[in-house]
Amino acid sequence: MDLQDQLKNLFPDHKQEATSTKENNISKLWMQDDPIICKYEKRKGKPITILEGYTGANEDFKKLAKELKTTLSVGGSFKDDKIIIQGDYRDKIMSILKNKGFNVKRVGG
């Protein structure tokens, strides 16, 4: 029996509000006029996807990087104002960013 069940037993008439702080923090990313550039490269023979061109705060870009990595279940990093994702996930990343309201430009093959 977890804490939520115990609270329901103590206060059966109380209705819980569905607000998630995680969703609110991610949805408040700063939108920009210029598109985010989505590139494909090979480093040491392995494919990577690079996102660059975000002009907002670094903290927001790091949150976006973490969300993309967990959504795609892949590794990656955030260096020099660029998000580096392991593997060729340009199409999936572009669709995720477009759903969030970002302008995305595909560069390269």
PDB file of N, CA and C in Angstrom:
ATOM      1  N   MET A   1       0.849  -1.172   0.000  1.00  0.00           N
ATOM      2  CA  MET A   1       0.000   0.000   0.000  1.00  0.00           C
ATOM      3  C   MET A   1       0.896   1.236   0.000  1.00  0.00           C
ATOM      4  N   ASP A   2       0.809   2.033  -1.059  1.00  0.00           N
ATOM      5  CA  ASP A   2       1.655   3.220  -1.128  1.00  0.00           C
ATOM      6  C   ASP A   2       0.952   4.431  -0.527  1.00  0.00           C
ATOM      7  N   LEU A   3       1.604   5.550  -0.582  1.00  0.00           N
ATOM      8  CA  LEU A   3       1.116   6.771   0.048  1.00  0.00           C
ATOM      9  C   LEU A   3      -0.202   7.248  -0.578  1.00  0.00           C
ATOM     10  N   GLN A   4      -0.328   7.125  -1.883  1.00  0.00           N
ATOM     11  CA  GLN A   4      -1.561   7.555  -2.545  1.00  0.00           C
ATOM     12  C   GLN A   4      -2.767   6.754  -2.060  1.00  0.00           C
ATOM     13  N   ASP A   5      -2.599   5.449  -1.901  1.00  0.00           N
ATOM     14  CA  ASP A   5      -3.697   4.615  -1.406  1.00  0.00           C
ATOM     15  C   ASP A   5      -4.066   4.976   0.034  1.00  0.00           C
ATOM     16  N   GLN A   6      -3.066   5.250   0.853  1.00  0.00           N
ATOM     17  CA  GLN A   6      -3.326   5.632   2.231  1.00  0.00           C
ATOM     18  C   GLN A   6      -4.091   6.957   2.297  1.00  0.00           C
ATOM     19  N   LEU A   7      -3.698   7.900   1.440  1.00  0.00           N
ATOM     20  CA  LEU A   7      -4.397   9.186   1.422  1.00  0.00           C
ATOM     21  C   LEU A   7      -5.840   9.029   0.943  1.00  0.00           C
ATOM     22  N   LYS A   8      -6.070   8.143  -0.013  1.00  0.00           N
ATOM     23  CA  LYS A   8      -7.440   7.901  -0.482  1.00  0.00           C
ATOM     24  C   LYS A   8      -8.296   7.306   0.627  1.00  0.00           C
ATOM     25  N   ASN A   9      -7.705   6.440   1.438  1.00  0.00           N
ATOM     26  CA  ASN A   9      -8.446   5.857   2.554  1.00  0.00           C
ATOM     27  C   ASN A   9      -8.767   6.905   3.612  1.00  0.00           C
ATOM     28  N   LEU A  10      -7.838   7.813   3.873  1.00  0.00           N
ATOM     29  CA  LEU A  10      -8.051   8.839   4.883  1.00  0.00           C
ATOM     30  C   LEU A  10      -9.033   9.926   4.418  1.00  0.00           C
ATOM     31  N   PHE A  11      -8.935  10.290   3.143  1.00  0.00           N
ATOM     32  CA  PHE A  11      -9.774  11.359   2.591  1.00  0.00           C
ATOM     33  C   PHE A  11     -10.510  10.860   1.351  1.00  0.00           C
ATOM     34  N   PRO A  12     -11.605  10.106   1.513  1.00  0.00           N
ATOM     35  CA  PRO A  12     -12.285   9.515   0.351  1.00  0.00           C
ATOM     36  C   PRO A  12     -12.997  10.554  -0.520  1.00  0.00           C
ATOM     37  N   ASP A  13     -13.355  11.723   0.030  1.00  0.00           N
ATOM     38  CA  ASP A  13     -14.079  12.727  -0.747  1.00  0.00           C
ATOM     39  C   ASP A  13     -13.151  13.642  -1.555  1.00  0.00           C
ATOM     40  N   HIS A  14     -11.870  13.614  -1.274  1.00  0.00           N
ATOM     41  CA  HIS A  14     -10.924  14.508  -1.950  1.00  0.00           C
ATOM     42  C   HIS A  14     -10.685  14.033  -3.386  1.00  0.00           C
ATOM     43  N   LYS A  15     -10.713  14.990  -4.321  1.00  0.00           N
ATOM     44  CA  LYS A  15     -10.434  14.670  -5.723  1.00  0.00           C
ATOM     45  C   LYS A  15      -9.067  15.229  -6.075  1.00  0.00           C
ATOM     46  N   GLN A  16      -8.233  14.358  -6.623  1.00  0.00           N
ATOM     47  CA  GLN A  16      -6.860  14.732  -6.943  1.00  0.00           C
ATOM     48  C   GLN A  16      -6.814  15.457  -8.284  1.00  0.00           C
ATOM     49  N   GLU A  17      -6.076  16.577  -8.300  1.00  0.00           N
ATOM     50  CA  GLU A  17      -5.918  17.311  -9.548  1.00  0.00           C
ATOM     51  C   GLU A  17      -4.780  16.690 -10.343  1.00  0.00           C
ATOM     52  N   ALA A  18      -4.963  16.589 -11.645  1.00  0.00           N
ATOM     53  CA  ALA A  18      -3.956  15.971 -12.506  1.00  0.00           C
ATOM     54  C   ALA A  18      -3.060  17.044 -13.101  1.00  0.00           C
ATOM     55  N   THR A  19      -2.054  17.446 -12.347  1.00  0.00           N
ATOM     56  CA  THR A  19      -1.063  18.378 -12.866  1.00  0.00           C
ATOM     57  C   THR A  19       0.304  17.744 -12.702  1.00  0.00           C
ATOM     58  N   SER A  20       1.006  17.679 -13.766  1.00  0.00           N
ATOM     59  CA  SER A  20       2.334  17.096 -13.737  1.00  0.00           C
ATOM     60  C   SER A  20       3.364  18.204 -13.937  1.00  0.00           C
ATOM     61  N   THR A  21       4.261  18.347 -12.982  1.00  0.00           N
ATOM     62  CA  THR A  21       5.273  19.393 -13.087  1.00  0.00           C
ATOM     63  C   THR A  21       6.283  19.068 -14.184  1.00  0.00           C
ATOM     64  N   LYS A  22       6.505  17.803 -14.448  1.00  0.00           N
ATOM     65  CA  LYS A  22       7.460  17.418 -15.483  1.00  0.00           C
ATOM     66  C   LYS A  22       6.965  17.877 -16.852  1.00  0.00           C
ATOM     67  N   GLU A  23       5.697  17.655 -17.152  1.00  0.00           N
ATOM     68  CA  GLU A  23       5.149  18.074 -18.439  1.00  0.00           C
ATOM     69  C   GLU A  23       5.126  19.588 -18.555  1.00  0.00           C
ATOM     70  N   ASN A  24       4.820  20.276 -17.471  1.00  0.00           N
ATOM     71  CA  ASN A  24       4.781  21.733 -17.512  1.00  0.00           C
ATOM     72  C   ASN A  24       6.157  22.324 -17.766  1.00  0.00           C
ATOM     73  N   ASN A  25       7.203  21.749 -17.192  1.00  0.00           N
ATOM     74  CA  ASN A  25       8.550  22.269 -17.407  1.00  0.00           C
ATOM     75  C   ASN A  25       9.007  22.073 -18.834  1.00  0.00           C
ATOM     76  N   ILE A  26       8.709  20.935 -19.424  1.00  0.00           N
ATOM     77  CA  ILE A  26       9.154  20.649 -20.780  1.00  0.00           C
ATOM     78  C   ILE A  26       8.353  21.454 -21.800  1.00  0.00           C
ATOM     79  N   SER A  27       7.080  21.672 -21.541  1.00  0.00           N
ATOM     80  CA  SER A  27       6.264  22.386 -22.515  1.00  0.00           C
ATOM     81  C   SER A  27       6.558  23.879 -22.539  1.00  0.00           C
ATOM     82  N   LYS A  28       7.304  24.405 -21.569  1.00  0.00           N
ATOM     83  CA  LYS A  28       7.602  25.831 -21.511  1.00  0.00           C
ATOM     84  C   LYS A  28       8.943  26.162 -22.156  1.00  0.00           C
ATOM     85  N   LEU A  29       9.380  25.382 -23.133  1.00  0.00           N
ATOM     86  CA  LEU A  29      10.624  25.667 -23.814  1.00  0.00           C
ATOM     87  C   LEU A  29      10.458  26.912 -24.676  1.00  0.00           C
ATOM     88  N   TRP A  30      11.523  27.668 -24.817  1.00  0.00           N
ATOM     89  CA  TRP A  30      11.477  28.906 -25.566  1.00  0.00           C
ATOM     90  C   TRP A  30      11.469  28.593 -27.051  1.00  0.00           C
ATOM     91  N   MET A  31      10.451  29.069 -27.749  1.00  0.00           N
ATOM     92  CA  MET A  31      10.351  28.852 -29.181  1.00  0.00           C
ATOM     93  C   MET A  31      11.127  29.932 -29.908  1.00  0.00           C
ATOM     94  N   GLN A  32      11.627  29.619 -31.080  1.00  0.00           N
ATOM     95  CA  GLN A  32      12.485  30.531 -31.804  1.00  0.00           C
ATOM     96  C   GLN A  32      12.017  30.683 -33.240  1.00  0.00           C
ATOM     97  N   ASP A  33      12.558  31.690 -33.911  1.00  0.00           N
ATOM     98  CA  ASP A  33      12.188  31.949 -35.300  1.00  0.00           C
ATOM     99  C   ASP A  33      12.988  31.086 -36.272  1.00  0.00           C
ATOM    100  N   ASP A  34      14.283  30.949 -36.020  1.00  0.00           N
ATOM    101  CA  ASP A  34      15.138  30.161 -36.897  1.00  0.00           C
ATOM    102  C   ASP A  34      14.932  28.672 -36.638  1.00  0.00           C
ATOM    103  N   PRO A  35      15.014  27.848 -37.680  1.00  0.00           N
ATOM    104  CA  PRO A  35      14.814  26.413 -37.472  1.00  0.00           C
ATOM    105  C   PRO A  35      16.004  25.753 -36.791  1.00  0.00           C
ATOM    106  N   ILE A  36      15.729  24.661 -36.105  1.00  0.00           N
ATOM    107  CA  ILE A  36      16.780  23.830 -35.523  1.00  0.00           C
ATOM    108  C   ILE A  36      17.300  22.947 -36.648  1.00  0.00           C
ATOM    109  N   ILE A  37      18.615  22.877 -36.786  1.00  0.00           N
ATOM    110  CA  ILE A  37      19.228  22.117 -37.874  1.00  0.00           C
ATOM    111  C   ILE A  37      19.480  20.694 -37.402  1.00  0.00           C
ATOM    112  N   CYS A  38      19.006  19.731 -38.183  1.00  0.00           N
ATOM    113  CA  CYS A  38      19.148  18.308 -37.871  1.00  0.00           C
ATOM    114  C   CYS A  38      20.090  17.692 -38.900  1.00  0.00           C
ATOM    115  N   LYS A  39      21.320  17.316 -38.470  1.00  0.00           N
ATOM    116  CA  LYS A  39      22.335  16.786 -39.380  1.00  0.00           C
ATOM    117  C   LYS A  39      22.630  15.327 -39.063  1.00  0.00           C
ATOM    118  N   TYR A  40      23.173  14.653 -40.072  1.00  0.00           N
ATOM    119  CA  TYR A  40      23.599  13.265 -39.942  1.00  0.00           C
ATOM    120  C   TYR A  40      25.085  13.211 -40.266  1.00  0.00           C
ATOM    121  N   GLU A  41      25.851  12.559 -39.417  1.00  0.00           N
ATOM    122  CA  GLU A  41      27.280  12.382 -39.652  1.00  0.00           C
ATOM    123  C   GLU A  41      27.689  10.979 -39.230  1.00  0.00           C
ATOM    124  N   LYS A  42      28.874  10.601 -39.675  1.00  0.00           N
ATOM    125  CA  LYS A  42      29.480   9.367 -39.195  1.00  0.00           C
ATOM    126  C   LYS A  42      30.785   9.730 -38.522  1.00  0.00           C
ATOM    127  N   ARG A  43      30.935   9.284 -37.290  1.00  0.00           N
ATOM    128  CA  ARG A  43      32.171   9.484 -36.549  1.00  0.00           C
ATOM    129  C   ARG A  43      32.708   8.131 -36.129  1.00  0.00           C
ATOM    130  N   LYS A  44      33.932   7.857 -36.525  1.00  0.00           N
ATOM    131  CA  LYS A  44      34.575   6.573 -36.252  1.00  0.00           C
ATOM    132  C   LYS A  44      33.733   5.418 -36.796  1.00  0.00           C
ATOM    133  N   GLY A  45      33.072   5.651 -37.922  1.00  0.00           N
ATOM    134  CA  GLY A  45      32.286   4.611 -38.578  1.00  0.00           C
ATOM    135  C   GLY A  45      30.896   4.408 -38.022  1.00  0.00           C
ATOM    136  N   LYS A  46      30.505   5.179 -37.018  1.00  0.00           N
ATOM    137  CA  LYS A  46      29.184   5.010 -36.400  1.00  0.00           C
ATOM    138  C   LYS A  46      28.317   6.226 -36.698  1.00  0.00           C
ATOM    139  N   PRO A  47      27.047   5.993 -37.003  1.00  0.00           N
ATOM    140  CA  PRO A  47      26.166   7.128 -37.340  1.00  0.00           C
ATOM    141  C   PRO A  47      25.728   7.899 -36.105  1.00  0.00           C
ATOM    142  N   ILE A  48      25.644   9.228 -36.258  1.00  0.00           N
ATOM    143  CA  ILE A  48      25.120  10.087 -35.197  1.00  0.00           C
ATOM    144  C   ILE A  48      24.217  11.137 -35.818  1.00  0.00           C
ATOM    145  N   THR A  49      23.288  11.641 -35.017  1.00  0.00           N
ATOM    146  CA  THR A  49      22.403  12.728 -35.421  1.00  0.00           C
ATOM    147  C   THR A  49      22.744  13.933 -34.559  1.00  0.00           C
ATOM    148  N   ILE A  50      22.938  15.082 -35.200  1.00  0.00           N
ATOM    149  CA  ILE A  50      23.323  16.298 -34.491  1.00  0.00           C
ATOM    150  C   ILE A  50      22.232  17.341 -34.645  1.00  0.00           C
ATOM    151  N   LEU A  51      21.819  17.941 -33.528  1.00  0.00           N
ATOM    152  CA  LEU A  51      20.857  19.042 -33.526  1.00  0.00           C
ATOM    153  C   LEU A  51      21.584  20.295 -33.070  1.00  0.00           C
ATOM    154  N   GLU A  52      21.469  21.359 -33.854  1.00  0.00           N
ATOM    155  CA  GLU A  52      22.111  22.611 -33.477  1.00  0.00           C
ATOM    156  C   GLU A  52      21.267  23.779 -33.956  1.00  0.00           C
ATOM    157  N   GLY A  53      21.570  24.954 -33.429  1.00  0.00           N
ATOM    158  CA  GLY A  53      20.875  26.154 -33.854  1.00  0.00           C
ATOM    159  C   GLY A  53      19.809  26.629 -32.892  1.00  0.00           C
ATOM    160  N   TYR A  54      19.758  26.076 -31.679  1.00  0.00           N
ATOM    161  CA  TYR A  54      18.785  26.525 -30.682  1.00  0.00           C
ATOM    162  C   TYR A  54      19.322  27.786 -30.031  1.00  0.00           C
ATOM    163  N   THR A  55      18.517  28.850 -29.987  1.00  0.00           N
ATOM    164  CA  THR A  55      18.992  30.126 -29.467  1.00  0.00           C
ATOM    165  C   THR A  55      18.455  30.443 -28.079  1.00  0.00           C
ATOM    166  N   GLY A  56      17.790  29.512 -27.435  1.00  0.00           N
ATOM    167  CA  GLY A  56      17.253  29.742 -26.095  1.00  0.00           C
ATOM    168  C   GLY A  56      18.290  29.443 -25.027  1.00  0.00           C
ATOM    169  N   ALA A  57      17.806  29.218 -23.824  1.00  0.00           N
ATOM    170  CA  ALA A  57      18.694  28.945 -22.690  1.00  0.00           C
ATOM    171  C   ALA A  57      19.279  27.537 -22.791  1.00  0.00           C
ATOM    172  N   ASN A  58      20.501  27.379 -22.294  1.00  0.00           N
ATOM    173  CA  ASN A  58      21.153  26.072 -22.311  1.00  0.00           C
ATOM    174  C   ASN A  58      20.396  25.055 -21.482  1.00  0.00           C
ATOM    175  N   GLU A  59      19.781  25.505 -20.396  1.00  0.00           N
ATOM    176  CA  GLU A  59      19.029  24.599 -19.535  1.00  0.00           C
ATOM    177  C   GLU A  59      17.857  23.968 -20.289  1.00  0.00           C
ATOM    178  N   ASP A  60      17.154  24.781 -21.090  1.00  0.00           N
ATOM    179  CA  ASP A  60      16.036  24.262 -21.876  1.00  0.00           C
ATOM    180  C   ASP A  60      16.520  23.262 -22.919  1.00  0.00           C
ATOM    181  N   PHE A  61      17.671  23.568 -23.527  1.00  0.00           N
ATOM    182  CA  PHE A  61      18.210  22.677 -24.554  1.00  0.00           C
ATOM    183  C   PHE A  61      18.644  21.356 -23.938  1.00  0.00           C
ATOM    184  N   LYS A  62      19.172  21.396 -22.711  1.00  0.00           N
ATOM    185  CA  LYS A  62      19.550  20.168 -22.010  1.00  0.00           C
ATOM    186  C   LYS A  62      18.323  19.331 -21.675  1.00  0.00           C
ATOM    187  N   LYS A  63      17.225  19.986 -21.281  1.00  0.00           N
ATOM    188  CA  LYS A  63      15.984  19.265 -20.996  1.00  0.00           C
ATOM    189  C   LYS A  63      15.461  18.598 -22.263  1.00  0.00           C
ATOM    190  N   LEU A  64      15.545  19.318 -23.381  1.00  0.00           N
ATOM    191  CA  LEU A  64      15.105  18.754 -24.653  1.00  0.00           C
ATOM    192  C   LEU A  64      15.968  17.560 -25.032  1.00  0.00           C
ATOM    193  N   ALA A  65      17.276  17.657 -24.812  1.00  0.00           N
ATOM    194  CA  ALA A  65      18.182  16.548 -25.109  1.00  0.00           C
ATOM    195  C   ALA A  65      17.832  15.325 -24.277  1.00  0.00           C
ATOM    196  N   LYS A  66      17.580  15.533 -22.995  1.00  0.00           N
ATOM    197  CA  LYS A  66      17.244  14.415 -22.110  1.00  0.00           C
ATOM    198  C   LYS A  66      15.924  13.759 -22.538  1.00  0.00           C
ATOM    199  N   GLU A  67      14.956  14.592 -22.902  1.00  0.00           N
ATOM    200  CA  GLU A  67      13.671  14.040 -23.326  1.00  0.00           C
ATOM    201  C   GLU A  67      13.798  13.243 -24.618  1.00  0.00           C
ATOM    202  N   LEU A  68      14.577  13.743 -25.576  1.00  0.00           N
ATOM    203  CA  LEU A  68      14.774  13.019 -26.825  1.00  0.00           C
ATOM    204  C   LEU A  68      15.474  11.689 -26.584  1.00  0.00           C
ATOM    205  N   LYS A  69      16.494  11.684 -25.727  1.00  0.00           N
ATOM    206  CA  LYS A  69      17.228  10.455 -25.459  1.00  0.00           C
ATOM    207  C   LYS A  69      16.346   9.419 -24.780  1.00  0.00           C
ATOM    208  N   THR A  70      15.505   9.845 -23.837  1.00  0.00           N
ATOM    209  CA  THR A  70      14.641   8.879 -23.157  1.00  0.00           C
ATOM    210  C   THR A  70      13.515   8.411 -24.068  1.00  0.00           C
ATOM    211  N   THR A  71      12.992   9.295 -24.913  1.00  0.00           N
ATOM    212  CA  THR A  71      11.922   8.903 -25.832  1.00  0.00           C
ATOM    213  C   THR A  71      12.419   7.878 -26.844  1.00  0.00           C
ATOM    214  N   LEU A  72      13.615   8.104 -27.376  1.00  0.00           N
ATOM    215  CA  LEU A  72      14.173   7.213 -28.385  1.00  0.00           C
ATOM    216  C   LEU A  72      14.928   6.030 -27.786  1.00  0.00           C
ATOM    217  N   SER A  73      15.164   6.052 -26.488  1.00  0.00           N
ATOM    218  CA  SER A  73      15.919   5.007 -25.779  1.00  0.00           C
ATOM    219  C   SER A  73      17.309   4.808 -26.373  1.00  0.00           C
ATOM    220  N   VAL A  74      18.001   5.927 -26.561  1.00  0.00           N
ATOM    221  CA  VAL A  74      19.356   5.879 -27.113  1.00  0.00           C
ATOM    222  C   VAL A  74      20.268   6.739 -26.246  1.00  0.00           C
ATOM    223  N   GLY A  75      21.555   6.628 -26.494  1.00  0.00           N
ATOM    224  CA  GLY A  75      22.527   7.451 -25.801  1.00  0.00           C
ATOM    225  C   GLY A  75      22.791   8.725 -26.565  1.00  0.00           C
ATOM    226  N   GLY A  76      23.483   9.615 -25.919  1.00  0.00           N
ATOM    227  CA  GLY A  76      23.826  10.871 -26.564  1.00  0.00           C
ATOM    228  C   GLY A  76      24.434  11.816 -25.562  1.00  0.00           C
ATOM    229  N   SER A  77      24.702  13.030 -26.033  1.00  0.00           N
ATOM    230  CA  SER A  77      25.306  14.013 -25.144  1.00  0.00           C
ATOM    231  C   SER A  77      24.912  15.420 -25.577  1.00  0.00           C
ATOM    232  N   PHE A  78      25.276  16.383 -24.736  1.00  0.00           N
ATOM    233  CA  PHE A  78      25.047  17.789 -25.010  1.00  0.00           C
ATOM    234  C   PHE A  78      26.389  18.494 -24.885  1.00  0.00           C
ATOM    235  N   LYS A  79      26.939  18.952 -26.025  1.00  0.00           N
ATOM    236  CA  LYS A  79      28.247  19.616 -26.019  1.00  0.00           C
ATOM    237  C   LYS A  79      28.204  20.807 -26.964  1.00  0.00           C
ATOM    238  N   ASP A  80      28.823  21.906 -26.552  1.00  0.00           N
ATOM    239  CA  ASP A  80      29.012  23.079 -27.411  1.00  0.00           C
ATOM    240  C   ASP A  80      27.715  23.525 -28.086  1.00  0.00           C
ATOM    241  N   ASP A  81      26.634  23.605 -27.326  1.00  0.00           N
ATOM    242  CA  ASP A  81      25.315  24.007 -27.844  1.00  0.00           C
ATOM    243  C   ASP A  81      24.823  23.094 -28.962  1.00  0.00           C
ATOM    244  N   LYS A  82      25.168  21.822 -28.889  1.00  0.00           N
ATOM    245  CA  LYS A  82      24.700  20.824 -29.852  1.00  0.00           C
ATOM    246  C   LYS A  82      24.217  19.604 -29.084  1.00  0.00           C
ATOM    247  N   ILE A  83      23.145  18.989 -29.591  1.00  0.00           N
ATOM    248  CA  ILE A  83      22.693  17.709 -29.053  1.00  0.00           C
ATOM    249  C   ILE A  83      23.204  16.634 -29.994  1.00  0.00           C
ATOM    250  N   ILE A  84      23.921  15.661 -29.462  1.00  0.00           N
ATOM    251  CA  ILE A  84      24.449  14.560 -30.257  1.00  0.00           C
ATOM    252  C   ILE A  84      23.730  13.290 -29.822  1.00  0.00           C
ATOM    253  N   ILE A  85      22.986  12.678 -30.765  1.00  0.00           N
ATOM    254  CA  ILE A  85      22.230  11.449 -30.503  1.00  0.00           C
ATOM    255  C   ILE A  85      22.900  10.305 -31.259  1.00  0.00           C
ATOM    256  N   GLN A  86      23.123   9.183 -30.585  1.00  0.00           N
ATOM    257  CA  GLN A  86      23.743   8.033 -31.235  1.00  0.00           C
ATOM    258  C   GLN A  86      22.746   7.356 -32.157  1.00  0.00           C
ATOM    259  N   GLY A  87      23.100   7.217 -33.431  1.00  0.00           N
ATOM    260  CA  GLY A  87      22.247   6.559 -34.412  1.00  0.00           C
ATOM    261  C   GLY A  87      21.605   7.564 -35.349  1.00  0.00           C
ATOM    262  N   ASP A  88      21.007   7.050 -36.412  1.00  0.00           N
ATOM    263  CA  ASP A  88      20.342   7.891 -37.416  1.00  0.00           C
ATOM    264  C   ASP A  88      18.852   7.935 -37.090  1.00  0.00           C
ATOM    265  N   TYR A  89      18.434   8.934 -36.339  1.00  0.00           N
ATOM    266  CA  TYR A  89      17.044   9.093 -35.929  1.00  0.00           C
ATOM    267  C   TYR A  89      16.479  10.417 -36.413  1.00  0.00           C
ATOM    268  N   ARG A  90      16.927  10.885 -37.588  1.00  0.00           N
ATOM    269  CA  ARG A  90      16.499  12.197 -38.069  1.00  0.00           C
ATOM    270  C   ARG A  90      14.991  12.293 -38.219  1.00  0.00           C
ATOM    271  N   ASP A  91      14.376  11.294 -38.821  1.00  0.00           N
ATOM    272  CA  ASP A  91      12.929  11.354 -39.063  1.00  0.00           C
ATOM    273  C   ASP A  91      12.140  11.389 -37.758  1.00  0.00           C
ATOM    274  N   LYS A  92      12.496  10.539 -36.815  1.00  0.00           N
ATOM    275  CA  LYS A  92      11.784  10.493 -35.539  1.00  0.00           C
ATOM    276  C   LYS A  92      11.991  11.782 -34.745  1.00  0.00           C
ATOM    277  N   ILE A  93      13.226  12.274 -34.731  1.00  0.00           N
ATOM    278  CA  ILE A  93      13.520  13.506 -33.996  1.00  0.00           C
ATOM    279  C   ILE A  93      12.776  14.677 -34.605  1.00  0.00           C
ATOM    280  N   MET A  94      12.761  14.742 -35.940  1.00  0.00           N
ATOM    281  CA  MET A  94      12.067  15.850 -36.606  1.00  0.00           C
ATOM    282  C   MET A  94      10.575  15.817 -36.309  1.00  0.00           C
ATOM    283  N   SER A  95       9.970  14.635 -36.282  1.00  0.00           N
ATOM    284  CA  SER A  95       8.534  14.559 -35.995  1.00  0.00           C
ATOM    285  C   SER A  95       8.252  14.933 -34.528  1.00  0.00           C
ATOM    286  N   ILE A  96       9.130  14.535 -33.604  1.00  0.00           N
ATOM    287  CA  ILE A  96       8.950  14.901 -32.194  1.00  0.00           C
ATOM    288  C   ILE A  96       9.038  16.413 -32.028  1.00  0.00           C
ATOM    289  N   LEU A  97      10.036  17.024 -32.650  1.00  0.00           N
ATOM    290  CA  LEU A  97      10.221  18.470 -32.520  1.00  0.00           C
ATOM    291  C   LEU A  97       9.092  19.243 -33.192  1.00  0.00           C
ATOM    292  N   LYS A  98       8.593  18.754 -34.317  1.00  0.00           N
ATOM    293  CA  LYS A  98       7.479  19.427 -34.989  1.00  0.00           C
ATOM    294  C   LYS A  98       6.211  19.353 -34.142  1.00  0.00           C
ATOM    295  N   ASN A  99       5.999  18.232 -33.458  1.00  0.00           N
ATOM    296  CA  ASN A  99       4.847  18.112 -32.564  1.00  0.00           C
ATOM    297  C   ASN A  99       4.951  19.083 -31.394  1.00  0.00           C
ATOM    298  N   LYS A 100       6.170  19.424 -30.995  1.00  0.00           N
ATOM    299  CA  LYS A 100       6.372  20.377 -29.902  1.00  0.00           C
ATOM    300  C   LYS A 100       6.261  21.822 -30.382  1.00  0.00           C
ATOM    301  N   GLY A 101       6.226  22.043 -31.699  1.00  0.00           N
ATOM    302  CA  GLY A 101       6.081  23.385 -32.223  1.00  0.00           C
ATOM    303  C   GLY A 101       7.349  24.010 -32.746  1.00  0.00           C
ATOM    304  N   PHE A 102       8.431  23.271 -32.818  1.00  0.00           N
ATOM    305  CA  PHE A 102       9.692  23.802 -33.333  1.00  0.00           C
ATOM    306  C   PHE A 102       9.720  23.742 -34.855  1.00  0.00           C
ATOM    307  N   ASN A 103      10.448  24.665 -35.466  1.00  0.00           N
ATOM    308  CA  ASN A 103      10.765  24.576 -36.890  1.00  0.00           C
ATOM    309  C   ASN A 103      12.050  23.772 -37.007  1.00  0.00           C
ATOM    310  N   VAL A 104      12.050  22.774 -37.884  1.00  0.00           N
ATOM    311  CA  VAL A 104      13.200  21.896 -38.021  1.00  0.00           C
ATOM    312  C   VAL A 104      13.611  21.857 -39.492  1.00  0.00           C
ATOM    313  N   LYS A 105      14.908  21.956 -39.727  1.00  0.00           N
ATOM    314  CA  LYS A 105      15.438  21.891 -41.079  1.00  0.00           C
ATOM    315  C   LYS A 105      16.378  20.721 -41.170  1.00  0.00           C
ATOM    316  N   ARG A 106      16.182  19.871 -42.183  1.00  0.00           N
ATOM    317  CA  ARG A 106      17.032  18.694 -42.379  1.00  0.00           C
ATOM    318  C   ARG A 106      18.196  19.078 -43.279  1.00  0.00           C
ATOM    319  N   VAL A 107      19.400  18.773 -42.825  1.00  0.00           N
ATOM    320  CA  VAL A 107      20.604  19.095 -43.580  1.00  0.00           C
ATOM    321  C   VAL A 107      21.340  17.794 -43.850  1.00  0.00           C
ATOM    322  N   GLY A 108      21.836  17.626 -45.060  1.00  0.00           N
ATOM    323  CA  GLY A 108      22.564  16.409 -45.425  1.00  0.00           C
ATOM    324  C   GLY A 108      21.627  15.403 -46.058  1.00  0.00           C
ATOM    325  N   GLY A 109      22.187  14.255 -46.445  1.00  0.00           N
ATOM    326  CA  GLY A 109      21.483  13.208 -47.172  1.00  0.00           C
ATOM    327  C   GLY A 109      20.195  12.782 -46.750  1.00  0.00           C
TER     328      GLY A 109
END
